Every structure is written in C-alpha cells, then in structure tokens.
Amino acid sequence: MKKLSFILTTLLLLLLLTACGKYPQKDLAGNQWNRNWEMLGTVLGVEPPGNDFSLSQNASILTGDDTFYATWRTGEPTKWVNEDNEKVDLYPAQIYLLLYGCADETKAGEAMEDFIAKEKGSYTVRDTVSETFNGQEYTILLYDCGSETNPYNRGASAFAVYRNYVVSAELTCVEGYEGNEHALLDGFLSGCHFAE
C-alpha cells in the first residue's frame, strides 16, 4: 500500500511540474506571463482583443508539425456562398492568427517572405509599415481586397519571425464595417506576447 501511495504521489508531483513548465515566465518585453492568455503552442499568448471580438477557433493544424491557428470574429454573421458553392457564415470582421513552425530561423525568414509576396499578389497594397509590439517587430501591410470571390473589402496583415516560427496575423472586414483595420490590428498585436 505504501508503494502504491508513493507511486501516486510521485505521478501527481510530475504532473504538477509538467503543468507549471508549460507557461513561460515573461514575454520578450519583460511583461509577466498571464496564464489566462489564449495560448498557441507554448510560445505565444494572446490577450482578448476587445472591440467585441470573440474567439472562434484555436487548434493545431493537422497537416503541419508545430503549426497553430486561431480566429476571432465580431458582429452578426450573414450567409455567403463561397467558390465551392457552399453557404458559410460571413462576419463583419475577422482576425486570423497563424504560428507556422519551420526547421530553423533562416527557413522561417524565407517562409515569411513567401507569405508577404503572396499577400502582395492577392491584394492591392496601400501601405507597408514596420511596428514593434511587446518586443516583437512586425511588417504590416494595409490593403484593399474586394473581388467577386472575396467578400471582404479591406484588411491589414502583420508578419514576423520569432525563433523558428513565422507569425501571420490578418484582420479583414466587409464594406460598411466602421472599425479602422490598422488600429484594430495594432490593438490585437499589442495583446500578443512571445515567450522570453
């Protein structure tokens, strides 16, 4: 009985230590890590974005190792028929966040350049700026994106390399949505925290 009790106590202690090790202590800017932040992997914590955005999905992508994807949306949905002739919910604005794992930092940099090139090829880019939030530098594209196959009117995307990850955050909104996409994306990025 003592042996079983010892084994159970040891297992419980190991589980507690594993759970404690899951969260970083601080972010790149030295802010204390908050366990209530939405986690992508073990390296990115995201504060609630505010502005009536709510978390829609947070999941790892099954087709890639060490790759994570989350979305937030705001407003009431309307139905939209996509390219595959399927009815889907269309929200006034959505935020998409991708944390894409690569072999190393060099590969992540190459992948980020590919992501930016694809974005520039898909949309009419109005401006490109560099901004830093919580110690992480981003390249931000502001663009128009309306087309027959894309229901969104405009958007803003941010790209960064963190260790061996590419980070891509995209905010898109429909025509008539009153929020400023650049300000909303900046607000979202100010709530993204990368492990120290």
Protein backbone atom coordinates (compact mmCIF):
# COMPACT_ATOMS: atom_id res chain seq x y z
CA MET A 1 0.00 0.00 0.00
CA LYS A 2 2.86 2.37 0.85
CA LYS A 3 4.44 1.62 -2.52
CA LEU A 4 1.21 2.46 -4.38
CA SER A 5 0.82 5.66 -2.37
CA PHE A 6 4.43 6.64 -3.18
CA ILE A 7 3.90 5.97 -6.90
CA LEU A 8 0.66 8.01 -7.00
CA THR A 9 2.28 10.90 -5.11
CA THR A 10 5.26 10.85 -7.49
CA LEU A 11 2.99 10.84 -10.56
CA LEU A 12 0.94 13.73 -9.17
CA LEU A 13 4.11 15.72 -8.49
CA LEU A 14 5.37 15.06 -12.02
CA LEU A 15 2.04 16.18 -13.48
CA LEU A 16 2.13 19.38 -11.45
CA LEU A 17 5.71 20.11 -12.54
CA THR A 18 4.79 19.48 -16.18
CA ALA A 19 1.83 21.85 -15.93
CA CYS A 20 3.99 24.53 -14.30
CA GLY A 21 6.58 24.24 -17.07
CA LYS A 22 4.01 24.81 -19.82
CA TYR A 23 3.90 28.58 -19.38
CA PRO A 24 6.81 30.99 -19.85
CA GLN A 25 7.70 33.36 -17.00
CA LYS A 26 7.89 36.57 -19.09
CA ASP A 27 7.42 37.83 -22.64
CA LEU A 28 10.04 39.45 -24.88
CA ALA A 29 9.31 42.90 -23.39
CA GLY A 30 9.71 41.62 -19.83
CA ASN A 31 5.97 41.56 -19.04
CA GLN A 32 4.87 38.91 -16.55
CA TRP A 33 3.21 35.98 -18.36
CA ASN A 34 -0.55 35.71 -17.78
CA ARG A 35 -1.94 32.17 -17.75
CA ASN A 36 -5.32 33.50 -18.90
CA TRP A 37 -3.94 34.46 -22.30
CA GLU A 38 -5.07 32.26 -25.20
CA MET A 39 -2.08 30.01 -25.99
CA LEU A 40 -0.80 28.98 -29.40
CA GLY A 41 1.77 26.30 -28.79
CA THR A 42 3.95 27.07 -25.79
CA VAL A 43 5.44 30.30 -27.14
CA LEU A 44 2.58 32.69 -27.95
CA GLY A 45 -0.05 34.07 -25.59
CA VAL A 46 -2.86 36.32 -26.84
CA GLU A 47 -4.95 38.69 -24.72
CA PRO A 48 -8.65 39.01 -25.57
CA PRO A 49 -8.65 41.52 -28.46
CA GLY A 50 -11.60 43.61 -27.24
CA ASN A 51 -13.76 45.58 -29.72
CA ASP A 52 -16.41 42.85 -29.43
CA PHE A 53 -14.12 40.22 -30.98
CA SER A 54 -14.61 36.73 -29.55
CA LEU A 55 -12.52 33.61 -30.01
CA SER A 56 -13.96 31.37 -32.71
CA GLN A 57 -11.31 28.67 -33.00
CA ASN A 58 -7.93 27.68 -31.57
CA ALA A 59 -6.43 24.48 -32.93
CA SER A 60 -3.26 22.99 -34.26
CA ILE A 61 -3.26 22.33 -37.99
CA LEU A 62 -3.13 18.62 -38.62
CA THR A 63 -1.13 18.92 -41.85
CA GLY A 64 1.92 20.54 -40.24
CA ASP A 65 4.13 19.93 -37.25
CA ASP A 66 4.37 22.70 -34.69
CA THR A 67 1.81 24.85 -36.51
CA PHE A 68 -1.10 26.58 -34.78
CA TYR A 69 -4.09 28.58 -35.97
CA ALA A 70 -6.69 30.69 -34.16
CA THR A 71 -9.51 33.01 -35.27
CA TRP A 72 -11.58 35.76 -33.66
CA ARG A 73 -14.72 37.36 -35.09
CA THR A 74 -17.11 40.20 -34.35
CA GLY A 75 -20.69 41.05 -35.24
CA GLU A 76 -23.60 39.03 -36.51
CA PRO A 77 -22.98 36.66 -39.43
CA THR A 78 -24.65 36.75 -42.81
CA LYS A 79 -24.62 33.89 -45.30
CA TRP A 80 -22.06 33.95 -48.11
CA VAL A 81 -21.77 31.45 -50.97
CA ASN A 82 -18.07 30.62 -51.43
CA GLU A 83 -16.17 29.41 -54.51
CA ASP A 84 -17.20 25.81 -53.75
CA ASN A 85 -20.88 26.86 -53.81
CA GLU A 86 -21.18 26.30 -50.06
CA LYS A 87 -23.05 28.64 -47.72
CA VAL A 88 -20.74 29.89 -44.98
CA ASP A 89 -21.07 32.44 -42.18
CA LEU A 90 -19.57 35.81 -43.06
CA TYR A 91 -18.75 38.10 -40.13
CA PRO A 92 -18.27 41.87 -40.41
CA ALA A 93 -14.63 41.48 -39.34
CA GLN A 94 -12.36 38.54 -38.51
CA ILE A 95 -8.84 38.09 -37.18
CA TYR A 96 -6.78 35.10 -38.28
CA LEU A 97 -3.57 34.20 -36.44
CA LEU A 98 -1.11 31.61 -37.73
CA LEU A 99 2.00 30.39 -35.91
CA TYR A 100 3.87 28.34 -38.51
CA GLY A 101 6.79 26.20 -37.35
CA CYS A 102 9.86 25.83 -39.60
CA ALA A 103 13.12 23.89 -39.35
CA ASP A 104 15.07 26.95 -38.15
CA GLU A 105 15.04 30.75 -38.08
CA THR A 106 16.50 31.03 -41.61
CA LYS A 107 13.73 28.85 -43.04
CA ALA A 108 11.17 30.89 -41.09
CA GLY A 109 12.54 34.09 -42.66
CA GLU A 110 12.27 32.58 -46.14
CA ALA A 111 8.72 31.40 -45.45
CA MET A 112 7.75 34.86 -44.18
CA GLU A 113 8.99 36.46 -47.40
CA ASP A 114 6.87 33.95 -49.34
CA PHE A 115 3.81 34.82 -47.22
CA ILE A 116 4.34 38.55 -47.84
CA ALA A 117 4.80 38.00 -51.60
CA LYS A 118 1.56 36.00 -51.79
CA GLU A 119 -0.31 38.69 -49.88
CA LYS A 120 1.01 41.40 -52.20
CA GLY A 121 -0.01 39.28 -55.20
CA SER A 122 -3.54 38.78 -53.88
CA TYR A 123 -4.46 42.30 -52.76
CA THR A 124 -3.95 45.94 -53.68
CA VAL A 125 -1.45 47.07 -51.03
CA ARG A 126 -1.93 50.69 -49.94
CA ASP A 127 0.93 50.89 -47.45
CA THR A 128 3.67 48.86 -45.74
CA VAL A 129 4.93 49.77 -42.28
CA SER A 130 7.18 48.28 -39.57
CA GLU A 131 5.96 48.31 -35.99
CA THR A 132 7.04 46.69 -32.72
CA PHE A 133 4.72 45.34 -30.03
CA ASN A 134 5.88 43.71 -26.78
CA GLY A 135 9.41 43.34 -28.12
CA GLN A 136 8.40 41.68 -31.43
CA GLU A 137 8.90 43.53 -34.73
CA TYR A 138 6.29 43.13 -37.48
CA THR A 139 5.95 44.07 -41.15
CA ILE A 140 2.39 45.30 -41.64
CA LEU A 141 0.56 45.52 -44.97
CA LEU A 142 -2.61 47.62 -45.39
CA TYR A 143 -4.67 46.67 -48.45
CA ASP A 144 -7.93 46.56 -50.38
CA CYS A 145 -9.19 43.06 -51.07
CA GLY A 146 -12.67 43.20 -52.59
CA SER A 147 -13.37 40.84 -55.50
CA GLU A 148 -16.11 38.51 -56.71
CA THR A 149 -14.53 35.61 -54.82
CA ASN A 150 -13.55 37.53 -51.69
CA PRO A 151 -16.36 39.05 -49.63
CA TYR A 152 -14.02 41.25 -47.61
CA ASN A 153 -13.43 44.84 -48.67
CA ARG A 154 -10.16 45.72 -46.92
CA GLY A 155 -7.66 44.39 -44.45
CA ALA A 156 -4.36 44.59 -42.64
CA SER A 157 -1.82 41.81 -42.17
CA ALA A 158 1.23 41.55 -39.94
CA PHE A 159 4.19 39.23 -40.44
CA ALA A 160 7.10 38.39 -38.16
CA VAL A 161 9.74 35.78 -37.45
CA TYR A 162 10.04 34.54 -33.89
CA ARG A 163 12.73 31.89 -33.41
CA ASN A 164 11.83 29.15 -35.91
CA TYR A 165 8.25 30.40 -36.40
CA VAL A 166 6.55 32.61 -38.96
CA VAL A 167 3.78 34.66 -37.38
CA SER A 168 0.95 35.88 -39.60
CA ALA A 169 -1.93 37.95 -38.21
CA GLU A 170 -4.64 39.10 -40.61
CA LEU A 171 -7.66 41.31 -39.96
CA THR A 172 -10.24 41.57 -42.75
CA CYS A 173 -13.54 43.43 -42.80
CA VAL A 174 -16.54 43.83 -45.07
CA GLU A 175 -17.62 47.04 -46.75
CA GLY A 176 -19.52 49.18 -44.27
CA TYR A 177 -17.66 47.89 -41.20
CA GLU A 178 -16.80 51.03 -39.26
CA GLY A 179 -13.66 49.86 -37.46
CA ASN A 180 -10.25 51.00 -38.70
CA GLU A 181 -8.38 47.87 -39.76
CA HIS A 182 -4.92 49.28 -38.97
CA ALA A 183 -5.88 50.45 -35.48
CA LEU A 184 -7.70 47.17 -34.74
CA LEU A 185 -4.74 45.07 -35.89
CA ASP A 186 -2.36 47.23 -33.83
CA GLY A 187 -4.60 46.68 -30.81
CA PHE A 188 -4.57 42.94 -31.43
CA LEU A 189 -0.77 42.83 -31.83
CA SER A 190 -0.32 44.79 -28.62
CA GLY A 191 -2.01 41.84 -26.91
CA CYS A 192 0.28 39.20 -28.50
CA HIS A 193 3.10 38.03 -26.23
CA PHE A 194 6.02 35.82 -27.22
CA ALA A 195 7.99 33.83 -24.67
CA GLU A 196 11.21 35.45 -23.48
